[in-house]
PDB file of N, CA and C in Angstrom:
ATOM      1  N   MET A   1     -18.558 -12.643  22.839  1.00  0.00           N
ATOM      2  CA  MET A   1     -18.888 -13.322  21.590  1.00  0.00           C
ATOM      3  C   MET A   1     -19.345 -12.293  20.564  1.00  0.00           C
ATOM      4  N   ARG A   2     -19.005 -12.539  19.301  1.00  0.00           N
ATOM      5  CA  ARG A   2     -19.368 -11.626  18.229  1.00  0.00           C
ATOM      6  C   ARG A   2     -20.862 -11.649  17.961  1.00  0.00           C
ATOM      7  N   SER A   3     -21.335 -10.542  17.444  1.00  0.00           N
ATOM      8  CA  SER A   3     -22.735 -10.455  17.036  1.00  0.00           C
ATOM      9  C   SER A   3     -22.946 -11.288  15.781  1.00  0.00           C
ATOM     10  N   PRO A   4     -24.125 -11.892  15.628  1.00  0.00           N
ATOM     11  CA  PRO A   4     -24.417 -12.592  14.373  1.00  0.00           C
ATOM     12  C   PRO A   4     -24.336 -11.619  13.202  1.00  0.00           C
ATOM     13  N   LYS A   5     -23.750 -12.075  12.108  1.00  0.00           N
ATOM     14  CA  LYS A   5     -23.623 -11.248  10.916  1.00  0.00           C
ATOM     15  C   LYS A   5     -24.770 -11.582   9.966  1.00  0.00           C
ATOM     16  N   VAL A   6     -25.537 -10.559   9.621  1.00  0.00           N
ATOM     17  CA  VAL A   6     -26.667 -10.715   8.713  1.00  0.00           C
ATOM     18  C   VAL A   6     -26.354  -9.932   7.444  1.00  0.00           C
ATOM     19  N   GLU A   7     -26.332 -10.637   6.320  1.00  0.00           N
ATOM     20  CA  GLU A   7     -26.088 -10.020   5.028  1.00  0.00           C
ATOM     21  C   GLU A   7     -27.395 -10.070   4.235  1.00  0.00           C
ATOM     22  N   VAL A   8     -27.852  -8.903   3.800  1.00  0.00           N
ATOM     23  CA  VAL A   8     -29.089  -8.801   3.040  1.00  0.00           C
ATOM     24  C   VAL A   8     -28.717  -8.478   1.598  1.00  0.00           C
ATOM     25  N   PHE A   9     -29.101  -9.371   0.688  1.00  0.00           N
ATOM     26  CA  PHE A   9     -28.785  -9.210  -0.727  1.00  0.00           C
ATOM     27  C   PHE A   9     -30.035  -8.795  -1.489  1.00  0.00           C
ATOM     28  N   SER A  10     -29.913  -7.705  -2.234  1.00  0.00           N
ATOM     29  CA  SER A  10     -31.015  -7.194  -3.059  1.00  0.00           C
ATOM     30  C   SER A  10     -30.648  -7.367  -4.522  1.00  0.00           C
ATOM     31  N   PRO A  11     -31.631  -7.687  -5.359  1.00  0.00           N
ATOM     32  CA  PRO A  11     -31.344  -7.878  -6.783  1.00  0.00           C
ATOM     33  C   PRO A  11     -30.990  -6.564  -7.469  1.00  0.00           C
ATOM     34  N   VAL A  12     -30.255  -6.676  -8.549  1.00  0.00           N
ATOM     35  CA  VAL A  12     -29.823  -5.520  -9.320  1.00  0.00           C
ATOM     36  C   VAL A  12     -30.563  -5.525 -10.654  1.00  0.00           C
ATOM     37  N   GLY A  13     -30.936  -4.344 -11.121  1.00  0.00           N
ATOM     38  CA  GLY A  13     -31.526  -4.233 -12.440  1.00  0.00           C
ATOM     39  C   GLY A  13     -32.969  -4.641 -12.542  1.00  0.00           C
ATOM     40  N   VAL A  14     -33.662  -4.729 -11.417  1.00  0.00           N
ATOM     41  CA  VAL A  14     -35.091  -5.034 -11.446  1.00  0.00           C
ATOM     42  C   VAL A  14     -35.841  -3.902 -10.756  1.00  0.00           C
ATOM     43  N   CYS A  15     -37.076  -3.783 -11.088  1.00  0.00           N
ATOM     44  CA  CYS A  15     -37.912  -2.762 -10.464  1.00  0.00           C
ATOM     45  C   CYS A  15     -38.023  -3.043  -8.965  1.00  0.00           C
ATOM     46  N   SER A  16     -37.810  -2.021  -8.170  1.00  0.00           N
ATOM     47  CA  SER A  16     -37.879  -2.216  -6.719  1.00  0.00           C
ATOM     48  C   SER A  16     -39.256  -2.680  -6.259  1.00  0.00           C
ATOM     49  N   CYS A  17     -40.274  -2.411  -7.042  1.00  0.00           N
ATOM     50  CA  CYS A  17     -41.620  -2.850  -6.657  1.00  0.00           C
ATOM     51  C   CYS A  17     -41.711  -4.372  -6.632  1.00  0.00           C
ATOM     52  N   SER A  18     -40.826  -5.067  -7.363  1.00  0.00           N
ATOM     53  CA  SER A  18     -40.881  -6.523  -7.403  1.00  0.00           C
ATOM     54  C   SER A  18     -40.353  -7.179  -6.129  1.00  0.00           C
ATOM     55  N   PHE A  19     -39.614  -6.436  -5.327  1.00  0.00           N
ATOM     56  CA  PHE A  19     -39.128  -7.003  -4.067  1.00  0.00           C
ATOM     57  C   PHE A  19     -39.377  -6.083  -2.866  1.00  0.00           C
ATOM     58  N   ALA A  20     -40.203  -5.071  -3.032  1.00  0.00           N
ATOM     59  CA  ALA A  20     -40.461  -4.095  -1.960  1.00  0.00           C
ATOM     60  C   ALA A  20     -41.066  -4.739  -0.719  1.00  0.00           C
ATOM     61  N   VAL A  21     -42.030  -5.614  -0.904  1.00  0.00           N
ATOM     62  CA  VAL A  21     -42.673  -6.271   0.245  1.00  0.00           C
ATOM     63  C   VAL A  21     -41.652  -7.137   0.972  1.00  0.00           C
ATOM     64  N   TRP A  22     -40.880  -7.896   0.209  1.00  0.00           N
ATOM     65  CA  TRP A  22     -39.873  -8.784   0.794  1.00  0.00           C
ATOM     66  C   TRP A  22     -38.863  -7.980   1.610  1.00  0.00           C
ATOM     67  N   ILE A  23     -38.288  -6.936   1.019  1.00  0.00           N
ATOM     68  CA  ILE A  23     -37.268  -6.154   1.725  1.00  0.00           C
ATOM     69  C   ILE A  23     -37.871  -5.428   2.919  1.00  0.00           C
ATOM     70  N   GLY A  24     -39.116  -5.005   2.805  1.00  0.00           N
ATOM     71  CA  GLY A  24     -39.796  -4.377   3.939  1.00  0.00           C
ATOM     72  C   GLY A  24     -39.933  -5.338   5.111  1.00  0.00           C
ATOM     73  N   ASN A  25     -40.305  -6.575   4.812  1.00  0.00           N
ATOM     74  CA  ASN A  25     -40.431  -7.593   5.868  1.00  0.00           C
ATOM     75  C   ASN A  25     -39.085  -7.874   6.516  1.00  0.00           C
ATOM     76  N   VAL A  26     -38.051  -7.981   5.702  1.00  0.00           N
ATOM     77  CA  VAL A  26     -36.708  -8.244   6.224  1.00  0.00           C
ATOM     78  C   VAL A  26     -36.277  -7.125   7.167  1.00  0.00           C
ATOM     79  N   TRP A  27     -36.386  -5.876   6.738  1.00  0.00           N
ATOM     80  CA  TRP A  27     -35.924  -4.757   7.564  1.00  0.00           C
ATOM     81  C   TRP A  27     -36.790  -4.579   8.806  1.00  0.00           C
ATOM     82  N   ASP A  28     -38.078  -4.867   8.721  1.00  0.00           N
ATOM     83  CA  ASP A  28     -38.927  -4.800   9.921  1.00  0.00           C
ATOM     84  C   ASP A  28     -38.405  -5.743  11.001  1.00  0.00           C
ATOM     85  N   ILE A  29     -38.013  -6.934  10.597  1.00  0.00           N
ATOM     86  CA  ILE A  29     -37.482  -7.908  11.561  1.00  0.00           C
ATOM     87  C   ILE A  29     -36.106  -7.474  12.059  1.00  0.00           C
ATOM     88  N   LEU A  30     -35.219  -7.112  11.143  1.00  0.00           N
ATOM     89  CA  LEU A  30     -33.851  -6.772  11.544  1.00  0.00           C
ATOM     90  C   LEU A  30     -33.789  -5.561  12.464  1.00  0.00           C
ATOM     91  N   MET A  31     -34.645  -4.595  12.263  1.00  0.00           N
ATOM     92  CA  MET A  31     -34.599  -3.384  13.090  1.00  0.00           C
ATOM     93  C   MET A  31     -34.943  -3.669  14.546  1.00  0.00           C
ATOM     94  N   LYS A  32     -35.679  -4.729  14.819  1.00  0.00           N
ATOM     95  CA  LYS A  32     -35.969  -5.114  16.209  1.00  0.00           C
ATOM     96  C   LYS A  32     -34.688  -5.514  16.951  1.00  0.00           C
ATOM     97  N   TYR A  33     -33.708  -6.008  16.212  1.00  0.00           N
ATOM     98  CA  TYR A  33     -32.487  -6.559  16.812  1.00  0.00           C
ATOM     99  C   TYR A  33     -31.231  -5.808  16.368  1.00  0.00           C
ATOM    100  N   LYS A  34     -31.402  -4.621  15.804  1.00  0.00           N
ATOM    101  CA  LYS A  34     -30.288  -3.900  15.171  1.00  0.00           C
ATOM    102  C   LYS A  34     -29.092  -3.676  16.090  1.00  0.00           C
ATOM    103  N   ASP A  35     -29.316  -3.535  17.376  1.00  0.00           N
ATOM    104  CA  ASP A  35     -28.210  -3.297  18.300  1.00  0.00           C
ATOM    105  C   ASP A  35     -27.464  -4.576  18.668  1.00  0.00           C
ATOM    106  N   GLN A  36     -28.017  -5.716  18.271  1.00  0.00           N
ATOM    107  CA  GLN A  36     -27.419  -7.002  18.625  1.00  0.00           C
ATOM    108  C   GLN A  36     -26.869  -7.748  17.418  1.00  0.00           C
ATOM    109  N   LEU A  37     -26.993  -7.148  16.232  1.00  0.00           N
ATOM    110  CA  LEU A  37     -26.571  -7.786  14.996  1.00  0.00           C
ATOM    111  C   LEU A  37     -25.571  -6.928  14.237  1.00  0.00           C
ATOM    112  N   GLU A  38     -24.770  -7.570  13.434  1.00  0.00           N
ATOM    113  CA  GLU A  38     -23.956  -6.873  12.447  1.00  0.00           C
ATOM    114  C   GLU A  38     -24.714  -7.022  11.130  1.00  0.00           C
ATOM    115  N   ILE A  39     -25.261  -5.936  10.616  1.00  0.00           N
ATOM    116  CA  ILE A  39     -26.102  -5.983   9.418  1.00  0.00           C
ATOM    117  C   ILE A  39     -25.371  -5.328   8.253  1.00  0.00           C
ATOM    118  N   VAL A  40     -25.327  -6.050   7.130  1.00  0.00           N
ATOM    119  CA  VAL A  40     -24.675  -5.565   5.929  1.00  0.00           C
ATOM    120  C   VAL A  40     -25.668  -5.692   4.780  1.00  0.00           C
ATOM    121  N   SER A  41     -25.802  -4.631   3.990  1.00  0.00           N
ATOM    122  CA  SER A  41     -26.674  -4.653   2.825  1.00  0.00           C
ATOM    123  C   SER A  41     -25.806  -4.689   1.563  1.00  0.00           C
ATOM    124  N   LEU A  42     -26.067  -5.676   0.711  1.00  0.00           N
ATOM    125  CA  LEU A  42     -25.272  -5.881  -0.492  1.00  0.00           C
ATOM    126  C   LEU A  42     -26.193  -6.105  -1.690  1.00  0.00           C
ATOM    127  N   THR A  43     -25.608  -6.046  -2.875  1.00  0.00           N
ATOM    128  CA  THR A  43     -26.384  -6.353  -4.079  1.00  0.00           C
ATOM    129  C   THR A  43     -26.058  -7.770  -4.542  1.00  0.00           C
ATOM    130  N   SER A  44     -26.966  -8.319  -5.326  1.00  0.00           N
ATOM    131  CA  SER A  44     -26.791  -9.702  -5.778  1.00  0.00           C
ATOM    132  C   SER A  44     -25.680  -9.863  -6.812  1.00  0.00           C
ATOM    133  N   ASP A  45     -25.098  -8.766  -7.262  1.00  0.00           N
ATOM    134  CA  ASP A  45     -23.963  -8.867  -8.180  1.00  0.00           C
ATOM    135  C   ASP A  45     -22.625  -8.562  -7.497  1.00  0.00           C
ATOM    136  N   SER A  46     -22.634  -8.469  -6.181  1.00  0.00           N
ATOM    137  CA  SER A  46     -21.412  -8.180  -5.432  1.00  0.00           C
ATOM    138  C   SER A  46     -20.505  -9.415  -5.386  1.00  0.00           C
ATOM    139  N   PRO A  47     -19.211  -9.205  -5.164  1.00  0.00           N
ATOM    140  CA  PRO A  47     -18.302 -10.345  -5.025  1.00  0.00           C
ATOM    141  C   PRO A  47     -18.740 -11.309  -3.905  1.00  0.00           C
ATOM    142  N   ARG A  48     -19.265 -10.755  -2.831  1.00  0.00           N
ATOM    143  CA  ARG A  48     -19.723 -11.618  -1.722  1.00  0.00           C
ATOM    144  C   ARG A  48     -20.895 -12.500  -2.165  1.00  0.00           C
ATOM    145  N   ALA A  49     -21.813 -11.953  -2.945  1.00  0.00           N
ATOM    146  CA  ALA A  49     -22.940 -12.742  -3.458  1.00  0.00           C
ATOM    147  C   ALA A  49     -22.421 -13.866  -4.346  1.00  0.00           C
ATOM    148  N   GLN A  50     -21.450 -13.555  -5.177  1.00  0.00           N
ATOM    149  CA  GLN A  50     -20.854 -14.578  -6.041  1.00  0.00           C
ATOM    150  C   GLN A  50     -20.176 -15.653  -5.212  1.00  0.00           C
ATOM    151  N   GLU A  51     -19.482 -15.241  -4.164  1.00  0.00           N
ATOM    152  CA  GLU A  51     -18.801 -16.185  -3.273  1.00  0.00           C
ATOM    153  C   GLU A  51     -19.794 -17.156  -2.629  1.00  0.00           C
ATOM    154  N   LEU A  52     -20.964 -16.636  -2.247  1.00  0.00           N
ATOM    155  CA  LEU A  52     -21.983 -17.451  -1.583  1.00  0.00           C
ATOM    156  C   LEU A  52     -22.942 -18.145  -2.552  1.00  0.00           C
ATOM    157  N   GLY A  53     -22.871 -17.771  -3.831  1.00  0.00           N
ATOM    158  CA  GLY A  53     -23.792 -18.347  -4.806  1.00  0.00           C
ATOM    159  C   GLY A  53     -25.175 -17.733  -4.753  1.00  0.00           C
ATOM    160  N   VAL A  54     -25.269 -16.504  -4.266  1.00  0.00           N
ATOM    161  CA  VAL A  54     -26.544 -15.793  -4.184  1.00  0.00           C
ATOM    162  C   VAL A  54     -26.772 -15.081  -5.503  1.00  0.00           C
ATOM    163  N   GLY A  55     -27.929 -15.323  -6.142  1.00  0.00           N
ATOM    164  CA  GLY A  55     -28.180 -14.712  -7.422  1.00  0.00           C
ATOM    165  C   GLY A  55     -29.373 -13.786  -7.447  1.00  0.00           C
ATOM    166  N   ASP A  56     -30.020 -13.608  -6.347  1.00  0.00           N
ATOM    167  CA  ASP A  56     -31.234 -12.794  -6.287  1.00  0.00           C
ATOM    168  C   ASP A  56     -31.325 -12.216  -4.887  1.00  0.00           C
ATOM    169  N   ARG A  57     -32.523 -12.036  -4.411  1.00  0.00           N
ATOM    170  CA  ARG A  57     -32.691 -11.542  -3.044  1.00  0.00           C
ATOM    171  C   ARG A  57     -32.457 -12.696  -2.075  1.00  0.00           C
ATOM    172  N   ALA A  58     -31.788 -12.375  -0.982  1.00  0.00           N
ATOM    173  CA  ALA A  58     -31.479 -13.410   0.006  1.00  0.00           C
ATOM    174  C   ALA A  58     -31.050 -12.765   1.315  1.00  0.00           C
ATOM    175  N   VAL A  59     -31.236 -13.514   2.388  1.00  0.00           N
ATOM    176  CA  VAL A  59     -30.717 -13.130   3.697  1.00  0.00           C
ATOM    177  C   VAL A  59     -29.790 -14.252   4.134  1.00  0.00           C
ATOM    178  N   VAL A  60     -28.569 -13.875   4.487  1.00  0.00           N
ATOM    179  CA  VAL A  60     -27.567 -14.846   4.903  1.00  0.00           C
ATOM    180  C   VAL A  60     -27.137 -14.486   6.317  1.00  0.00           C
ATOM    181  N   ILE A  61     -27.245 -15.451   7.216  1.00  0.00           N
ATOM    182  CA  ILE A  61     -26.838 -15.236   8.605  1.00  0.00           C
ATOM    183  C   ILE A  61     -25.649 -16.131   8.894  1.00  0.00           C
ATOM    184  N   ASN A  62     -24.544 -15.506   9.261  1.00  0.00           N
ATOM    185  CA  ASN A  62     -23.308 -16.244   9.544  1.00  0.00           C
ATOM    186  C   ASN A  62     -22.986 -17.235   8.428  1.00  0.00           C
ATOM    187  N   GLY A  63     -23.185 -16.812   7.170  1.00  0.00           N
ATOM    188  CA  GLY A  63     -22.839 -17.639   6.024  1.00  0.00           C
ATOM    189  C   GLY A  63     -23.895 -18.622   5.571  1.00  0.00           C
ATOM    190  N   GLU A  64     -25.039 -18.656   6.254  1.00  0.00           N
ATOM    191  CA  GLU A  64     -26.107 -19.606   5.931  1.00  0.00           C
ATOM    192  C   GLU A  64     -27.351 -18.864   5.445  1.00  0.00           C
ATOM    193  N   THR A  65     -27.826 -19.210   4.246  1.00  0.00           N
ATOM    194  CA  THR A  65     -29.030 -18.581   3.708  1.00  0.00           C
ATOM    195  C   THR A  65     -30.227 -18.956   4.573  1.00  0.00           C
ATOM    196  N   THR A  66     -31.026 -17.939   4.907  1.00  0.00           N
ATOM    197  CA  THR A  66     -32.176 -18.128   5.783  1.00  0.00           C
ATOM    198  C   THR A  66     -33.425 -17.574   5.111  1.00  0.00           C
ATOM    199  N   PRO A  67     -34.482 -18.389   4.992  1.00  0.00           N
ATOM    200  CA  PRO A  67     -35.730 -17.868   4.431  1.00  0.00           C
ATOM    201  C   PRO A  67     -36.330 -16.807   5.356  1.00  0.00           C
ATOM    202  N   VAL A  68     -36.988 -15.836   4.777  1.00  0.00           N
ATOM    203  CA  VAL A  68     -37.540 -14.739   5.576  1.00  0.00           C
ATOM    204  C   VAL A  68     -38.535 -15.246   6.623  1.00  0.00           C
ATOM    205  N   PHE A  69     -39.303 -16.269   6.294  1.00  0.00           N
ATOM    206  CA  PHE A  69     -40.292 -16.746   7.262  1.00  0.00           C
ATOM    207  C   PHE A  69     -39.645 -17.372   8.494  1.00  0.00           C
ATOM    208  N   LEU A  70     -38.352 -17.704   8.420  1.00  0.00           N
ATOM    209  CA  LEU A  70     -37.624 -18.229   9.583  1.00  0.00           C
ATOM    210  C   LEU A  70     -36.629 -17.227  10.164  1.00  0.00           C
ATOM    211  N   LEU A  71     -36.565 -16.041   9.589  1.00  0.00           N
ATOM    212  CA  LEU A  71     -35.543 -15.066   9.964  1.00  0.00           C
ATOM    213  C   LEU A  71     -35.579 -14.694  11.441  1.00  0.00           C
ATOM    214  N   GLU A  72     -36.722 -14.306  11.934  1.00  0.00           N
ATOM    215  CA  GLU A  72     -36.792 -13.889  13.339  1.00  0.00           C
ATOM    216  C   GLU A  72     -36.478 -15.044  14.281  1.00  0.00           C
ATOM    217  N   GLN A  73     -36.972 -16.223  13.978  1.00  0.00           N
ATOM    218  CA  GLN A  73     -36.696 -17.394  14.807  1.00  0.00           C
ATOM    219  C   GLN A  73     -35.198 -17.689  14.843  1.00  0.00           C
ATOM    220  N   LYS A  74     -34.553 -17.631  13.688  1.00  0.00           N
ATOM    221  CA  LYS A  74     -33.114 -17.896  13.601  1.00  0.00           C
ATOM    222  C   LYS A  74     -32.316 -16.858  14.396  1.00  0.00           C
ATOM    223  N   ILE A  75     -32.697 -15.599  14.281  1.00  0.00           N
ATOM    224  CA  ILE A  75     -32.015 -14.537  15.028  1.00  0.00           C
ATOM    225  C   ILE A  75     -32.158 -14.772  16.525  1.00  0.00           C
ATOM    226  N   GLN A  76     -33.360 -15.059  16.964  1.00  0.00           N
ATOM    227  CA  GLN A  76     -33.591 -15.311  18.394  1.00  0.00           C
ATOM    228  C   GLN A  76     -32.757 -16.484  18.900  1.00  0.00           C
ATOM    229  N   GLU A  77     -32.691 -17.556  18.122  1.00  0.00           N
ATOM    230  CA  GLU A  77     -31.879 -18.722  18.513  1.00  0.00           C
ATOM    231  C   GLU A  77     -30.406 -18.348  18.660  1.00  0.00           C
ATOM    232  N   LEU A  78     -29.890 -17.597  17.700  1.00  0.00           N
ATOM    233  CA  LEU A  78     -28.485 -17.191  17.744  1.00  0.00           C
ATOM    234  C   LEU A  78     -28.195 -16.271  18.920  1.00  0.00           C
ATOM    235  N   LEU A  79     -29.107 -15.372  19.214  1.00  0.00           N
ATOM    236  CA  LEU A  79     -28.897 -14.435  20.322  1.00  0.00           C
ATOM    237  C   LEU A  79     -28.966 -15.142  21.669  1.00  0.00           C
ATOM    238  N   LYS A  80     -29.750 -16.182  21.782  1.00  0.00           N
ATOM    239  CA  LYS A  80     -29.815 -16.964  23.029  1.00  0.00           C
ATOM    240  C   LYS A  80     -28.504 -17.692  23.302  1.00  0.00           C
ATOM    241  N   LYS A  81     -27.818 -18.085  22.241  1.00  0.00           N
ATOM    242  CA  LYS A  81     -26.563 -18.826  22.373  1.00  0.00           C
ATOM    243  C   LYS A  81     -25.390 -17.943  22.780  1.00  0.00           C
ATOM    244  N   ARG A  82     -25.572 -16.639  22.677  1.00  0.00           N
ATOM    245  CA  ARG A  82     -24.472 -15.719  22.977  1.00  0.00           C
ATOM    246  C   ARG A  82     -24.172 -15.663  24.440  1.00  0.00           C
TER     247      ARG A  82
END
């Protein structure tokens, strides 16, 4: 079975200090599972962001936007199903 695909979208044209804590939390969680996930980092102005309707910072797992506070739980659930 394929690894869950995690797409991390970062905003463009804003000071990194405005999302530094958020992105730090996201990467702290993802690095725990890095060998079991397909992780892609994109910007919020990318064609993929437009396709998904993402306009700011977001984490998308297998095409579904996931809030950071549920990120680790969602990853664990997906990995159990593999």
